[in-house]
Amino acid sequence: MLSRFFIKKGGKLRLNPQNRALLKMAELNVSSANITLLRTADGEDTEKDLGKALLYKRNGRLMIQAKGLFITTPDATKAENQDHFQGEGEILRLWFLYERVPRVLECKVEERVRFTLDMLDNVDPKVGVGFRISPLADIVKHDKRSTLRFSHLPGRGALPVYPQVLFDACVWRTNLTFPTEGAITPQIDDLRL
């Protein structure tokens, strides 16, 4: 009877950050990402931009196998100059946009992969050599907005929506004189109270 008190019922299944990152990447269905090398296979910390890499997709969905994603060789990595990126043990940062919001995912390069011709029929892009990477943590959303958010579309509804903050100012006393002809300048630079 007392054992019933210690049984957990229901509740949400908790996934580790790596599995959450893979599920989120599958949901976002990202096609490409900018790659930054954070740590080499030797353990040397660096911050080198490797360029853009495409993520492999199978039948229109992101290809996820063995708890990993598959990417092509980054653009800035040349075949003759792979001393900094050898394809096993490096830590990479994937940077991509989803709904115009930048997101970052740190990954470890697990292995270099060669795809068979049969497998390339169902895979996009049709590049025979790629890398299997596994996420190290959750996807981080870098949402640093410097503007106001509105829950409705601009211009719709009773109140107009402006991209700037508007306010009215009332000056009771000033040292300015009104011109005899024409209007006052729209911007007053040397106002003293």
N, C-alpha and C. Protein backbone atom coordinates (compact mmCIF):
# COMPACT_ATOMS: atom_id res chain seq x y z
N MET A 1 0.81 -1.19 0.00
CA MET A 1 0.00 0.00 0.00
C MET A 1 0.86 1.26 0.00
N LEU A 2 1.92 1.25 0.79
CA LEU A 2 2.79 2.43 0.82
C LEU A 2 3.56 2.61 -0.48
N SER A 3 3.70 1.53 -1.23
CA SER A 3 4.46 1.64 -2.47
C SER A 3 3.74 2.48 -3.51
N ARG A 4 2.43 2.64 -3.39
CA ARG A 4 1.68 3.45 -4.34
C ARG A 4 2.02 4.94 -4.23
N PHE A 5 2.47 5.37 -3.08
CA PHE A 5 2.81 6.78 -2.92
C PHE A 5 4.04 7.17 -3.73
N PHE A 6 4.89 6.23 -4.01
CA PHE A 6 6.15 6.54 -4.66
C PHE A 6 6.13 6.29 -6.16
N ILE A 7 5.00 5.89 -6.70
CA ILE A 7 4.88 5.66 -8.13
C ILE A 7 4.50 6.98 -8.80
N LYS A 8 5.28 7.35 -9.79
CA LYS A 8 4.97 8.57 -10.54
C LYS A 8 3.96 8.22 -11.62
N LYS A 9 2.92 9.01 -11.68
CA LYS A 9 1.89 8.78 -12.68
C LYS A 9 1.86 9.98 -13.61
N GLY A 10 1.62 9.68 -14.86
CA GLY A 10 1.49 10.75 -15.84
C GLY A 10 2.78 11.53 -15.97
N GLY A 11 2.63 12.81 -16.04
CA GLY A 11 3.81 13.65 -16.16
C GLY A 11 4.35 13.65 -17.58
N LYS A 12 5.17 14.59 -17.84
CA LYS A 12 5.74 14.75 -19.16
C LYS A 12 7.07 14.01 -19.24
N LEU A 13 7.29 13.33 -20.34
CA LEU A 13 8.54 12.63 -20.56
C LEU A 13 9.65 13.66 -20.76
N ARG A 14 10.67 13.58 -19.95
CA ARG A 14 11.76 14.55 -20.04
C ARG A 14 12.86 13.99 -20.94
N LEU A 15 13.20 14.78 -21.92
CA LEU A 15 14.26 14.39 -22.84
C LEU A 15 15.54 15.14 -22.48
N ASN A 16 16.65 14.55 -22.82
CA ASN A 16 17.90 15.26 -22.60
C ASN A 16 18.05 16.36 -23.66
N PRO A 17 18.93 17.33 -23.44
CA PRO A 17 19.05 18.46 -24.37
C PRO A 17 19.40 18.05 -25.80
N GLN A 18 20.17 16.98 -25.95
CA GLN A 18 20.54 16.54 -27.29
C GLN A 18 19.32 16.06 -28.07
N ASN A 19 18.47 15.27 -27.42
CA ASN A 19 17.27 14.78 -28.10
C ASN A 19 16.28 15.90 -28.37
N ARG A 20 16.17 16.86 -27.42
CA ARG A 20 15.31 18.02 -27.65
C ARG A 20 15.79 18.82 -28.85
N ALA A 21 17.10 18.98 -28.97
CA ALA A 21 17.66 19.73 -30.09
C ALA A 21 17.38 19.02 -31.42
N LEU A 22 17.50 17.70 -31.44
CA LEU A 22 17.21 16.96 -32.67
C LEU A 22 15.74 17.06 -33.05
N LEU A 23 14.85 16.95 -32.06
CA LEU A 23 13.42 17.08 -32.35
C LEU A 23 13.08 18.48 -32.85
N LYS A 24 13.70 19.49 -32.25
CA LYS A 24 13.44 20.87 -32.66
C LYS A 24 13.98 21.12 -34.07
N MET A 25 15.16 20.58 -34.38
CA MET A 25 15.72 20.73 -35.73
C MET A 25 14.82 20.04 -36.76
N ALA A 26 14.28 18.88 -36.40
CA ALA A 26 13.36 18.19 -37.31
C ALA A 26 12.09 19.01 -37.52
N GLU A 27 11.65 19.67 -36.46
CA GLU A 27 10.45 20.51 -36.56
C GLU A 27 10.72 21.75 -37.41
N LEU A 28 11.89 22.38 -37.22
CA LEU A 28 12.22 23.58 -37.98
C LEU A 28 12.54 23.27 -39.44
N ASN A 29 13.09 22.07 -39.70
CA ASN A 29 13.41 21.61 -41.05
C ASN A 29 14.32 22.60 -41.78
N VAL A 30 15.43 22.92 -41.16
CA VAL A 30 16.38 23.90 -41.69
C VAL A 30 17.12 23.31 -42.88
N SER A 31 17.39 24.13 -43.90
CA SER A 31 18.09 23.66 -45.09
C SER A 31 19.58 23.92 -45.05
N SER A 32 19.98 25.06 -44.47
CA SER A 32 21.40 25.41 -44.44
C SER A 32 21.72 26.16 -43.16
N ALA A 33 23.01 26.22 -42.84
CA ALA A 33 23.46 26.91 -41.64
C ALA A 33 24.87 27.43 -41.87
N ASN A 34 25.20 28.53 -41.22
CA ASN A 34 26.56 29.04 -41.23
C ASN A 34 27.32 28.31 -40.13
N ILE A 35 28.54 27.90 -40.44
CA ILE A 35 29.32 27.07 -39.53
C ILE A 35 30.51 27.87 -39.00
N THR A 36 30.71 27.81 -37.69
CA THR A 36 31.88 28.40 -37.04
C THR A 36 32.58 27.30 -36.26
N LEU A 37 33.89 27.18 -36.46
CA LEU A 37 34.69 26.21 -35.73
C LEU A 37 35.05 26.79 -34.38
N LEU A 38 34.61 26.14 -33.29
CA LEU A 38 34.89 26.62 -31.94
C LEU A 38 36.11 25.95 -31.33
N ARG A 39 36.28 24.65 -31.57
CA ARG A 39 37.41 23.91 -31.00
C ARG A 39 37.85 22.85 -32.00
N THR A 40 39.13 22.76 -32.22
CA THR A 40 39.67 21.76 -33.13
C THR A 40 39.69 20.39 -32.45
N ALA A 41 40.04 19.36 -33.21
CA ALA A 41 40.10 18.01 -32.66
C ALA A 41 41.23 17.88 -31.64
N ASP A 42 42.25 18.74 -31.74
CA ASP A 42 43.36 18.73 -30.79
C ASP A 42 43.01 19.40 -29.48
N GLY A 43 41.86 20.07 -29.39
CA GLY A 43 41.46 20.77 -28.18
C GLY A 43 41.82 22.24 -28.18
N GLU A 44 42.30 22.75 -29.29
CA GLU A 44 42.69 24.16 -29.39
C GLU A 44 41.44 25.02 -29.65
N ASP A 45 41.21 26.01 -28.79
CA ASP A 45 40.06 26.90 -28.95
C ASP A 45 40.34 27.89 -30.08
N THR A 46 39.38 28.05 -30.95
CA THR A 46 39.49 28.98 -32.06
C THR A 46 38.09 29.45 -32.42
N GLU A 47 38.01 30.50 -33.16
CA GLU A 47 36.70 31.00 -33.62
C GLU A 47 36.85 31.31 -35.10
N LYS A 48 36.84 30.27 -35.92
CA LYS A 48 37.08 30.42 -37.35
C LYS A 48 35.80 30.15 -38.12
N ASP A 49 35.47 31.07 -39.00
CA ASP A 49 34.27 30.93 -39.82
C ASP A 49 34.57 29.96 -40.96
N LEU A 50 33.77 28.92 -41.07
CA LEU A 50 33.96 27.91 -42.11
C LEU A 50 33.01 28.09 -43.29
N GLY A 51 32.10 29.03 -43.20
CA GLY A 51 31.17 29.27 -44.29
C GLY A 51 29.86 28.54 -44.11
N LYS A 52 29.14 28.44 -45.20
CA LYS A 52 27.80 27.85 -45.19
C LYS A 52 27.87 26.36 -45.50
N ALA A 53 27.04 25.60 -44.82
CA ALA A 53 26.92 24.16 -45.09
C ALA A 53 25.45 23.82 -45.25
N LEU A 54 25.17 22.87 -46.10
CA LEU A 54 23.80 22.41 -46.31
C LEU A 54 23.53 21.21 -45.43
N LEU A 55 22.32 21.10 -44.93
CA LEU A 55 21.92 19.95 -44.13
C LEU A 55 21.23 18.94 -45.04
N TYR A 56 21.58 17.69 -44.88
CA TYR A 56 21.01 16.64 -45.71
C TYR A 56 19.56 16.40 -45.34
N LYS A 57 18.75 16.21 -46.39
CA LYS A 57 17.33 15.89 -46.20
C LYS A 57 16.99 14.63 -46.97
N ARG A 58 16.09 13.86 -46.40
CA ARG A 58 15.59 12.66 -47.07
C ARG A 58 14.08 12.80 -47.20
N ASN A 59 13.60 12.73 -48.41
CA ASN A 59 12.17 12.88 -48.72
C ASN A 59 11.60 14.18 -48.16
N GLY A 60 12.37 15.25 -48.24
CA GLY A 60 11.89 16.56 -47.81
C GLY A 60 12.02 16.84 -46.33
N ARG A 61 12.42 15.87 -45.55
CA ARG A 61 12.57 16.05 -44.10
C ARG A 61 14.05 15.94 -43.73
N LEU A 62 14.43 16.59 -42.65
CA LEU A 62 15.82 16.57 -42.20
C LEU A 62 16.26 15.14 -41.89
N MET A 63 17.43 14.78 -42.36
CA MET A 63 17.93 13.41 -42.17
C MET A 63 18.59 13.30 -40.80
N ILE A 64 17.98 12.51 -39.92
CA ILE A 64 18.50 12.30 -38.57
C ILE A 64 18.66 10.80 -38.37
N GLN A 65 19.90 10.37 -38.09
CA GLN A 65 20.18 8.96 -37.82
C GLN A 65 21.25 8.89 -36.74
N ALA A 66 21.18 7.89 -35.91
CA ALA A 66 22.18 7.63 -34.86
C ALA A 66 22.41 8.87 -34.01
N LYS A 67 21.33 9.54 -33.63
CA LYS A 67 21.37 10.74 -32.79
C LYS A 67 22.27 11.82 -33.39
N GLY A 68 22.17 11.99 -34.71
CA GLY A 68 22.99 13.00 -35.35
C GLY A 68 22.35 13.56 -36.60
N LEU A 69 22.81 14.74 -36.98
CA LEU A 69 22.43 15.40 -38.23
C LEU A 69 23.56 15.21 -39.23
N PHE A 70 23.28 15.45 -40.48
CA PHE A 70 24.29 15.30 -41.52
C PHE A 70 24.41 16.62 -42.26
N ILE A 71 25.66 17.09 -42.41
CA ILE A 71 25.92 18.34 -43.13
C ILE A 71 26.93 18.07 -44.24
N THR A 72 26.91 18.94 -45.25
CA THR A 72 27.92 18.88 -46.29
C THR A 72 29.20 19.55 -45.79
N THR A 73 30.25 19.46 -46.57
CA THR A 73 31.49 20.14 -46.22
C THR A 73 31.25 21.64 -46.31
N PRO A 74 31.61 22.42 -45.29
CA PRO A 74 31.39 23.87 -45.34
C PRO A 74 32.12 24.51 -46.52
N ASP A 75 31.58 25.65 -47.00
CA ASP A 75 32.10 26.30 -48.20
C ASP A 75 33.55 26.73 -48.08
N ALA A 76 33.94 27.25 -46.93
CA ALA A 76 35.29 27.80 -46.77
C ALA A 76 36.34 26.71 -46.53
N THR A 77 35.93 25.46 -46.44
CA THR A 77 36.88 24.36 -46.22
C THR A 77 37.29 23.79 -47.56
N LYS A 78 38.54 23.87 -47.86
CA LYS A 78 39.05 23.36 -49.13
C LYS A 78 39.66 21.98 -48.89
N ALA A 79 39.66 21.16 -49.92
CA ALA A 79 40.18 19.80 -49.79
C ALA A 79 41.68 19.80 -49.49
N GLU A 80 42.42 20.75 -50.05
CA GLU A 80 43.87 20.76 -49.83
C GLU A 80 44.26 21.44 -48.52
N ASN A 81 43.30 22.15 -47.87
CA ASN A 81 43.62 22.88 -46.64
C ASN A 81 42.67 22.45 -45.53
N GLN A 82 42.80 21.22 -45.09
CA GLN A 82 41.93 20.72 -44.03
C GLN A 82 42.70 20.50 -42.73
N ASP A 83 43.73 21.31 -42.48
CA ASP A 83 44.49 21.13 -41.25
C ASP A 83 43.69 21.57 -40.03
N HIS A 84 42.77 22.51 -40.19
CA HIS A 84 41.97 22.97 -39.06
C HIS A 84 40.64 22.23 -38.94
N PHE A 85 40.17 21.61 -40.02
CA PHE A 85 38.89 20.90 -39.99
C PHE A 85 39.10 19.53 -40.62
N GLN A 86 39.26 18.52 -39.78
CA GLN A 86 39.55 17.18 -40.28
C GLN A 86 38.33 16.28 -40.26
N GLY A 87 37.29 16.66 -39.54
CA GLY A 87 36.05 15.92 -39.61
C GLY A 87 35.81 14.91 -38.52
N GLU A 88 36.50 15.01 -37.40
CA GLU A 88 36.20 14.11 -36.29
C GLU A 88 36.67 14.74 -34.99
N GLY A 89 35.72 15.03 -34.09
CA GLY A 89 36.05 15.55 -32.78
C GLY A 89 36.00 17.06 -32.64
N GLU A 90 35.77 17.79 -33.72
CA GLU A 90 35.70 19.25 -33.64
C GLU A 90 34.37 19.69 -33.05
N ILE A 91 34.37 20.86 -32.43
CA ILE A 91 33.14 21.46 -31.92
C ILE A 91 32.77 22.59 -32.86
N LEU A 92 31.54 22.55 -33.38
CA LEU A 92 31.05 23.53 -34.34
C LEU A 92 29.88 24.29 -33.76
N ARG A 93 29.68 25.51 -34.26
CA ARG A 93 28.48 26.28 -33.95
C ARG A 93 27.71 26.45 -35.26
N LEU A 94 26.48 25.98 -35.27
CA LEU A 94 25.61 26.18 -36.42
C LEU A 94 24.75 27.39 -36.15
N TRP A 95 24.75 28.34 -37.07
CA TRP A 95 23.97 29.56 -36.93
C TRP A 95 23.02 29.62 -38.11
N PHE A 96 21.71 29.74 -37.83
CA PHE A 96 20.72 29.78 -38.91
C PHE A 96 19.57 30.68 -38.49
N LEU A 97 18.78 31.07 -39.47
CA LEU A 97 17.60 31.90 -39.24
C LEU A 97 16.36 31.05 -39.40
N TYR A 98 15.41 31.24 -38.50
CA TYR A 98 14.10 30.63 -38.64
C TYR A 98 13.08 31.68 -38.26
N GLU A 99 12.19 32.00 -39.17
CA GLU A 99 11.22 33.08 -39.01
C GLU A 99 11.92 34.39 -38.64
N ARG A 100 13.02 34.66 -39.33
CA ARG A 100 13.82 35.88 -39.19
C ARG A 100 14.41 36.07 -37.80
N VAL A 101 14.52 35.02 -37.03
CA VAL A 101 15.13 35.07 -35.70
C VAL A 101 16.36 34.18 -35.72
N PRO A 102 17.54 34.71 -35.37
CA PRO A 102 18.74 33.87 -35.38
C PRO A 102 18.73 32.83 -34.27
N ARG A 103 19.18 31.65 -34.61
CA ARG A 103 19.25 30.55 -33.65
C ARG A 103 20.62 29.89 -33.77
N VAL A 104 21.12 29.38 -32.65
CA VAL A 104 22.47 28.82 -32.59
C VAL A 104 22.39 27.42 -31.98
N LEU A 105 23.15 26.50 -32.55
CA LEU A 105 23.24 25.14 -32.04
C LEU A 105 24.70 24.71 -32.05
N GLU A 106 25.21 24.29 -30.90
CA GLU A 106 26.58 23.81 -30.82
C GLU A 106 26.57 22.30 -31.01
N CYS A 107 27.48 21.83 -31.86
CA CYS A 107 27.52 20.41 -32.22
C CYS A 107 28.95 19.89 -32.19
N LYS A 108 29.06 18.58 -32.09
CA LYS A 108 30.35 17.91 -32.18
C LYS A 108 30.36 17.07 -33.45
N VAL A 109 31.45 17.14 -34.19
CA VAL A 109 31.59 16.34 -35.40
C VAL A 109 31.94 14.92 -34.97
N GLU A 110 31.09 13.97 -35.32
CA GLU A 110 31.30 12.58 -34.93
C GLU A 110 32.16 11.83 -35.94
N GLU A 111 31.83 11.97 -37.23
CA GLU A 111 32.58 11.23 -38.24
C GLU A 111 32.32 11.80 -39.62
N ARG A 112 33.22 11.46 -40.51
CA ARG A 112 33.04 11.79 -41.92
C ARG A 112 32.28 10.62 -42.56
N VAL A 113 31.30 10.93 -43.39
CA VAL A 113 30.40 9.91 -43.93
C VAL A 113 30.45 9.93 -45.45
N ARG A 114 30.51 8.74 -46.04
CA ARG A 114 30.37 8.60 -47.49
C ARG A 114 29.03 7.92 -47.76
N PHE A 115 28.24 8.53 -48.61
CA PHE A 115 26.92 7.99 -48.94
C PHE A 115 27.03 7.09 -50.17
N THR A 116 26.29 5.98 -50.15
CA THR A 116 26.27 5.08 -51.30
C THR A 116 25.41 5.69 -52.39
N LEU A 117 25.55 5.17 -53.59
CA LEU A 117 24.77 5.68 -54.72
C LEU A 117 23.28 5.43 -54.51
N ASP A 118 22.92 4.30 -53.88
CA ASP A 118 21.52 4.01 -53.61
C ASP A 118 20.93 5.03 -52.63
N MET A 119 21.73 5.41 -51.64
CA MET A 119 21.25 6.36 -50.65
C MET A 119 21.14 7.77 -51.24
N LEU A 120 22.03 8.10 -52.18
CA LEU A 120 22.01 9.44 -52.78
C LEU A 120 20.77 9.70 -53.62
N ASP A 121 20.07 8.63 -54.04
CA ASP A 121 18.85 8.82 -54.82
C ASP A 121 17.76 9.51 -54.00
N ASN A 122 17.72 9.25 -52.69
CA ASN A 122 16.67 9.80 -51.83
C ASN A 122 17.12 11.00 -51.01
N VAL A 123 18.36 11.44 -51.19
CA VAL A 123 18.93 12.47 -50.33
C VAL A 123 19.18 13.74 -51.12
N ASP A 124 18.90 14.87 -50.50
CA ASP A 124 19.26 16.19 -51.05
C ASP A 124 20.13 16.90 -50.05
N PRO A 125 21.18 17.54 -50.40
CA PRO A 125 21.80 17.66 -51.71
C PRO A 125 22.51 16.36 -52.10
N LYS A 126 22.74 16.19 -53.36
CA LYS A 126 23.33 14.95 -53.86
C LYS A 126 24.85 15.05 -53.85
N VAL A 127 25.39 15.19 -52.65
CA VAL A 127 26.84 15.24 -52.43
C VAL A 127 27.23 13.97 -51.71
N GLY A 128 28.22 13.26 -52.23
CA GLY A 128 28.56 11.94 -51.72
C GLY A 128 29.27 11.91 -50.38
N VAL A 129 29.89 13.02 -49.97
CA VAL A 129 30.65 13.04 -48.72
C VAL A 129 30.09 14.12 -47.82
N GLY A 130 29.89 13.77 -46.56
CA GLY A 130 29.39 14.73 -45.58
C GLY A 130 29.91 14.39 -44.20
N PHE A 131 29.33 15.03 -43.20
CA PHE A 131 29.74 14.82 -41.81
C PHE A 131 28.52 14.57 -40.96
N ARG A 132 28.66 13.64 -40.02
CA ARG A 132 27.60 13.41 -39.03
C ARG A 132 27.96 14.19 -37.79
N ILE A 133 27.05 15.06 -37.36
CA ILE A 133 27.28 15.89 -36.18
C ILE A 133 26.19 15.60 -35.16
N SER A 134 26.56 15.68 -33.89
CA SER A 134 25.57 15.47 -32.83
C SER A 134 25.49 16.73 -31.98
N PRO A 135 24.29 17.17 -31.64
CA PRO A 135 24.16 18.39 -30.83
C PRO A 135 24.68 18.19 -29.42
N LEU A 136 25.24 19.25 -28.86
CA LEU A 136 25.75 19.21 -27.49
C LEU A 136 24.76 19.80 -26.50
N ALA A 137 23.88 20.68 -26.96
CA ALA A 137 22.93 21.35 -26.08
C ALA A 137 21.69 21.71 -26.89
N ASP A 138 20.77 22.38 -26.23
CA ASP A 138 19.55 22.86 -26.89
C ASP A 138 19.86 23.95 -27.90
N ILE A 139 18.90 24.20 -28.77
CA ILE A 139 19.00 25.32 -29.70
C ILE A 139 18.76 26.60 -28.91
N VAL A 140 19.65 27.57 -29.08
CA VAL A 140 19.55 28.85 -28.38
C VAL A 140 18.98 29.86 -29.36
N LYS A 141 17.93 30.53 -28.92
CA LYS A 141 17.26 31.53 -29.74
C LYS A 141 17.79 32.91 -29.35
N HIS A 142 18.46 33.59 -30.27
CA HIS A 142 19.01 34.92 -30.02
C HIS A 142 18.01 35.96 -30.50
N ASP A 143 17.03 36.22 -29.68
CA ASP A 143 15.96 37.15 -30.04
C ASP A 143 16.22 38.47 -29.34
N LYS A 144 17.01 39.33 -29.96
CA LYS A 144 17.32 40.63 -29.38
C LYS A 144 16.61 41.69 -30.22
N ARG A 145 15.39 41.95 -29.90
CA ARG A 145 14.62 42.91 -30.68
C ARG A 145 14.75 44.29 -30.07
N SER A 146 14.94 45.27 -30.93
CA SER A 146 15.04 46.65 -30.45
C SER A 146 13.79 47.44 -30.81
N THR A 147 12.77 46.77 -31.26
CA THR A 147 11.53 47.45 -31.60
C THR A 147 10.39 46.86 -30.79
N LEU A 148 9.26 47.54 -30.84
CA LEU A 148 8.08 47.06 -30.13
C LEU A 148 7.41 45.95 -30.92
N ARG A 149 6.79 45.03 -30.22
CA ARG A 149 6.02 43.98 -30.86
C ARG A 149 4.55 44.32 -30.76
N PHE A 150 3.83 44.00 -31.80
CA PHE A 150 2.39 44.22 -31.81
C PHE A 150 1.72 42.89 -32.11
N SER A 151 0.62 42.65 -31.43
CA SER A 151 -0.05 41.37 -31.62
C SER A 151 -0.98 41.37 -32.82
N HIS A 152 -1.12 42.51 -33.47
CA HIS A 152 -1.98 42.56 -34.64
C HIS A 152 -1.20 43.16 -35.80
N LEU A 153 -1.80 43.13 -36.96
CA LEU A 153 -1.14 43.64 -38.16
C LEU A 153 -1.11 45.17 -38.14
N PRO A 154 -0.05 45.79 -38.64
CA PRO A 154 0.00 47.26 -38.69
C PRO A 154 -1.10 47.82 -39.57
N GLY A 155 -1.73 48.87 -39.09
CA GLY A 155 -2.76 49.54 -39.87
C GLY A 155 -4.14 48.95 -39.73
N ARG A 156 -4.28 47.84 -39.09
CA ARG A 156 -5.59 47.22 -38.92
C ARG A 156 -6.12 47.57 -37.54
N GLY A 157 -7.39 47.63 -37.41
CA GLY A 157 -7.99 47.88 -36.10
C GLY A 157 -8.27 49.36 -35.89
N ALA A 158 -8.72 49.70 -34.70
CA ALA A 158 -9.14 51.07 -34.39
C ALA A 158 -7.95 52.00 -34.22
N LEU A 159 -6.87 51.52 -33.61
CA LEU A 159 -5.71 52.38 -33.36
C LEU A 159 -4.65 52.17 -34.43
N PRO A 160 -4.10 53.26 -34.96
CA PRO A 160 -3.00 53.09 -35.92
C PRO A 160 -1.73 52.64 -35.21
N VAL A 161 -0.93 51.85 -35.88
CA VAL A 161 0.31 51.36 -35.32
C VAL A 161 1.46 52.06 -36.04
N TYR A 162 2.37 52.65 -35.29
CA TYR A 162 3.50 53.38 -35.85
C TYR A 162 4.80 52.64 -35.52
N PRO A 163 5.78 52.70 -36.42
CA PRO A 163 7.06 52.05 -36.11
C PRO A 163 7.93 52.84 -35.16
N GLN A 164 7.49 53.99 -34.73
CA GLN A 164 8.24 54.80 -33.77
C GLN A 164 7.31 55.22 -32.65
N VAL A 165 7.88 55.75 -31.58
CA VAL A 165 7.10 56.21 -30.45
C VAL A 165 6.75 57.68 -30.69
N LEU A 166 5.47 57.98 -30.64
CA LEU A 166 5.01 59.36 -30.84
C LEU A 166 4.59 59.95 -29.51
N PHE A 167 4.86 61.25 -29.33
CA PHE A 167 4.40 61.93 -28.13
C PHE A 167 4.17 63.39 -28.47
N ASP A 168 3.32 64.03 -27.69
CA ASP A 168 3.03 65.45 -27.86
C ASP A 168 3.80 66.22 -26.81
N ALA A 169 4.29 67.39 -27.21
CA ALA A 169 5.02 68.25 -26.28
C ALA A 169 4.35 69.62 -26.27
N CYS A 170 4.28 70.18 -25.11
CA CYS A 170 3.69 71.51 -24.96
C CYS A 170 4.71 72.38 -24.22
N VAL A 171 5.10 73.50 -24.84
CA VAL A 171 6.08 74.41 -24.24
C VAL A 171 5.35 75.68 -23.84
N TRP A 172 5.50 76.07 -22.58
CA TRP A 172 4.82 77.27 -22.08
C TRP A 172 5.66 78.52 -22.27
N ARG A 173 6.93 78.40 -22.05
CA ARG A 173 7.79 79.57 -22.13
C ARG A 173 9.09 79.19 -22.84
N THR A 174 9.53 80.02 -23.77
CA THR A 174 10.76 79.76 -24.50
C THR A 174 11.39 81.08 -24.94
N ASN A 175 12.65 81.02 -25.36
CA ASN A 175 13.33 82.22 -25.84
C ASN A 175 13.25 82.36 -27.35
N LEU A 176 12.56 81.46 -28.03
CA LEU A 176 12.44 81.53 -29.48
C LEU A 176 11.42 82.58 -29.90
N THR A 177 11.69 83.18 -31.03
CA THR A 177 10.73 84.12 -31.62
C THR A 177 10.23 83.53 -32.92
N PHE A 178 8.99 83.79 -33.21
CA PHE A 178 8.42 83.28 -34.44
C PHE A 178 8.86 84.16 -35.61
N PRO A 179 9.15 83.54 -36.76
CA PRO A 179 9.55 84.35 -37.92
C PRO A 179 8.37 85.16 -38.44
N THR A 180 8.68 86.31 -39.04
CA THR A 180 7.62 87.17 -39.57
C THR A 180 7.01 86.55 -40.82
N GLU A 181 7.79 85.83 -41.57
CA GLU A 181 7.27 85.18 -42.78
C GLU A 181 7.59 83.69 -42.73
N GLY A 182 6.69 82.86 -43.16
CA GLY A 182 6.92 81.43 -43.21
C GLY A 182 6.61 80.74 -41.89
N ALA A 183 6.96 79.48 -41.84
CA ALA A 183 6.67 78.66 -40.66
C ALA A 183 7.93 78.46 -39.83
N ILE A 184 7.73 78.02 -38.61
CA ILE A 184 8.84 77.71 -37.73
C ILE A 184 9.50 76.41 -38.22
N THR A 185 10.78 76.27 -38.00
CA THR A 185 11.48 75.07 -38.46
C THR A 185 10.93 73.84 -37.74
N PRO A 186 10.86 72.71 -38.43
CA PRO A 186 10.27 71.52 -37.80
C PRO A 186 11.12 70.94 -36.67
N GLN A 187 12.42 71.20 -36.68
CA GLN A 187 13.28 70.68 -35.64
C GLN A 187 13.97 71.84 -34.93
N ILE A 188 13.82 71.89 -33.62
CA ILE A 188 14.42 72.95 -32.81
C ILE A 188 15.63 72.35 -32.11
N ASP A 189 16.82 72.85 -32.43
CA ASP A 189 18.05 72.29 -31.88
C ASP A 189 18.51 72.96 -30.60
N ASP A 190 18.28 74.26 -30.46
CA ASP A 190 18.83 74.99 -29.30
C ASP A 190 17.73 75.52 -28.40
N LEU A 191 16.89 74.64 -27.93
CA LEU A 191 15.79 75.02 -27.04
C LEU A 191 16.30 75.14 -25.62
N ARG A 192 16.01 76.27 -24.98
CA ARG A 192 16.38 76.48 -23.57
C ARG A 192 15.13 76.76 -22.78
N LEU A 193 15.06 76.23 -21.61
CA LEU A 193 13.90 76.43 -20.74
C LEU A 193 14.15 77.54 -19.75
